[in-house]
């Protein structure tokens, strides 16, 4: 059997359960939500990039993170639009827009139209869906 490629993603639920923590699995694969004000990245103020906990895709920059008061890390823009997908979500008897990692399909959270300028967007993202990577200052700017 050939060795697994470093960036190969699990193809089964069992594979994802091995790769992810229970909290990450619940959010990314089962579309769960962590309780408000409990996420490990909510108060993170370090400079860097937030990547998908499932596959490492670059998703959000610390430069667009803001305090929304909602209890989840919030961003007014994505870092790399090629890595994020938006889908209509009609669950819980309301219309929302779900935010997904385009590479692995992991559920990240939702986006709302009540954020600050310049976009007016609030990407409300679960901490367990993300990992944080400090980056050099010259790499802070978003990729489009």
Protein backbone atom coordinates (compact mmCIF):
# COMPACT_ATOMS: atom_id res chain seq x y z
CA UNK A 1 0.00 0.00 0.00
CA UNK A 2 1.51 3.39 -0.98
CA UNK A 3 2.06 5.97 1.79
CA UNK A 4 -0.67 8.52 2.31
CA UNK A 5 -0.07 11.91 0.73
CA UNK A 6 0.55 14.60 3.32
CA UNK A 7 -2.38 16.74 2.17
CA UNK A 8 -4.80 13.88 1.48
CA UNK A 9 -8.11 14.33 3.26
CA UNK A 10 -10.12 11.58 4.94
CA UNK A 11 -12.83 10.07 2.75
CA UNK A 12 -14.95 8.53 5.52
CA UNK A 13 -16.51 9.63 8.79
CA UNK A 14 -14.18 7.21 10.58
CA UNK A 15 -11.18 8.90 8.96
CA UNK A 16 -12.39 12.36 10.00
CA UNK A 17 -12.93 11.13 13.58
CA UNK A 18 -9.28 10.04 13.70
CA UNK A 19 -8.02 13.34 12.25
CA UNK A 20 -10.17 15.76 14.29
CA UNK A 21 -10.88 16.32 17.98
CA UNK A 22 -14.47 15.56 19.05
CA UNK A 23 -15.26 19.31 19.10
CA UNK A 24 -13.78 19.86 15.66
CA UNK A 25 -15.67 16.85 14.27
CA UNK A 26 -18.98 18.06 15.75
CA UNK A 27 -18.64 21.48 14.13
CA UNK A 28 -16.86 20.73 10.84
CA UNK A 29 -18.57 17.45 9.91
CA UNK A 30 -21.90 17.57 11.81
CA UNK A 31 -22.55 21.32 11.34
CA UNK A 32 -22.59 21.93 15.08
CA UNK A 33 -22.08 25.17 16.98
CA UNK A 34 -19.98 25.72 20.07
CA UNK A 35 -21.68 27.55 22.95
CA UNK A 36 -21.19 31.34 22.81
CA UNK A 37 -18.21 32.84 24.68
CA UNK A 38 -16.49 29.43 25.05
CA UNK A 39 -14.25 29.25 21.96
CA UNK A 40 -10.50 29.31 22.43
CA UNK A 41 -9.96 31.86 19.63
CA UNK A 42 -12.64 34.36 20.65
CA UNK A 43 -10.22 36.67 22.48
CA UNK A 44 -7.15 35.96 20.35
CA UNK A 45 -5.55 39.28 19.35
CA UNK A 46 -2.31 37.97 17.81
CA UNK A 47 -1.47 38.80 14.20
CA UNK A 48 -1.81 35.92 11.77
CA UNK A 49 -4.09 33.77 9.68
CA UNK A 50 -6.94 31.51 10.73
CA UNK A 51 -6.92 28.25 8.80
CA UNK A 52 -9.41 25.38 8.52
CA UNK A 53 -8.91 22.85 11.33
CA UNK A 54 -9.88 20.11 8.89
CA UNK A 55 -7.54 20.78 5.99
CA UNK A 56 -5.37 23.84 6.68
CA UNK A 57 -6.89 26.09 3.99
CA UNK A 58 -6.30 29.80 4.74
CA UNK A 59 -9.66 31.37 5.60
CA UNK A 60 -9.50 34.56 7.69
CA UNK A 61 -6.90 37.16 8.70
CA UNK A 62 -6.43 38.75 12.10
CA UNK A 63 -6.59 42.06 10.21
CA UNK A 64 -10.34 41.59 9.60
CA UNK A 65 -11.22 40.14 13.03
CA UNK A 66 -13.41 42.34 15.21
CA UNK A 67 -15.28 42.17 18.51
CA UNK A 68 -18.92 41.59 17.61
CA UNK A 69 -20.19 40.83 21.11
CA UNK A 70 -21.92 37.70 19.81
CA UNK A 71 -19.66 35.14 21.53
CA UNK A 72 -17.90 33.77 18.44
CA UNK A 73 -14.83 34.96 16.53
CA UNK A 74 -16.07 37.43 13.91
CA UNK A 75 -14.46 38.71 10.72
CA UNK A 76 -15.66 41.33 8.23
CA UNK A 77 -13.99 39.65 5.25
CA UNK A 78 -12.34 36.42 4.17
CA UNK A 79 -8.58 36.09 3.69
CA UNK A 80 -8.73 33.94 0.57
CA UNK A 81 -12.08 33.86 -1.25
CA UNK A 82 -10.99 30.76 -3.19
CA UNK A 83 -11.11 28.76 0.05
CA UNK A 84 -14.59 29.76 1.25
CA UNK A 85 -18.01 28.71 0.00
CA UNK A 86 -21.38 30.19 0.96
CA UNK A 87 -24.63 28.17 0.96
CA UNK A 88 -28.22 29.00 1.82
CA UNK A 89 -29.18 27.50 5.19
CA UNK A 90 -32.88 27.21 6.02
CA UNK A 91 -32.44 25.28 9.27
CA UNK A 92 -33.89 26.29 12.65
CA UNK A 93 -36.87 28.00 10.93
CA UNK A 94 -34.74 30.91 9.66
CA UNK A 95 -32.86 31.94 6.54
CA UNK A 96 -29.10 32.19 7.01
CA UNK A 97 -25.97 31.85 4.90
CA UNK A 98 -23.68 29.02 5.92
CA UNK A 99 -19.90 29.42 5.56
CA UNK A 100 -18.01 26.31 4.43
CA UNK A 101 -14.39 25.46 3.71
CA UNK A 102 -14.29 24.93 -0.03
CA UNK A 103 -11.44 22.40 0.15
CA UNK A 104 -12.82 19.92 2.70
CA UNK A 105 -16.49 20.95 2.92
CA UNK A 106 -16.22 21.65 6.65
CA UNK A 107 -18.91 23.79 8.29
CA UNK A 108 -17.33 26.95 9.73
CA UNK A 109 -20.29 29.08 10.83
CA UNK A 110 -22.55 31.67 9.21
CA UNK A 111 -22.27 35.12 7.63
CA UNK A 112 -24.64 38.01 8.38
CA UNK A 113 -25.16 41.48 6.93
CA UNK A 114 -24.64 43.39 10.19
CA UNK A 115 -20.85 43.76 10.22
CA UNK A 116 -18.63 46.85 10.11
CA UNK A 117 -17.33 48.75 7.11
CA UNK A 118 -15.94 48.27 4.55
CA UNK A 119 -17.92 45.07 3.78
CA UNK A 120 -20.87 45.24 6.17
CA UNK A 121 -20.43 41.48 6.68
CA UNK A 122 -20.03 39.52 9.92
CA UNK A 123 -18.54 36.08 9.41
CA UNK A 124 -19.49 34.41 12.69
CA UNK A 125 -17.12 31.43 12.93
CA UNK A 126 -16.69 28.62 15.45
CA UNK A 127 -13.27 28.50 17.15
CA UNK A 128 -13.14 24.71 16.86
CA UNK A 129 -13.43 25.03 13.07
CA UNK A 130 -10.19 27.03 13.00
CA UNK A 131 -6.51 26.82 13.83
CA UNK A 132 -4.43 29.97 14.24
CA UNK A 133 -1.06 30.51 12.58
CA UNK A 134 1.13 33.49 13.35
CA UNK A 135 2.52 34.98 10.16
CA UNK A 136 5.13 37.60 9.29
CA UNK A 137 3.76 41.14 8.97
CA UNK A 138 4.22 41.24 5.18
CA UNK A 139 1.75 38.33 4.79
CA UNK A 140 -1.17 39.87 6.74
CA UNK A 141 -2.94 41.31 3.72
CA UNK A 142 -5.83 39.23 2.37
CA UNK A 143 -5.46 37.19 -0.77
CA UNK A 144 -8.06 37.69 -3.49
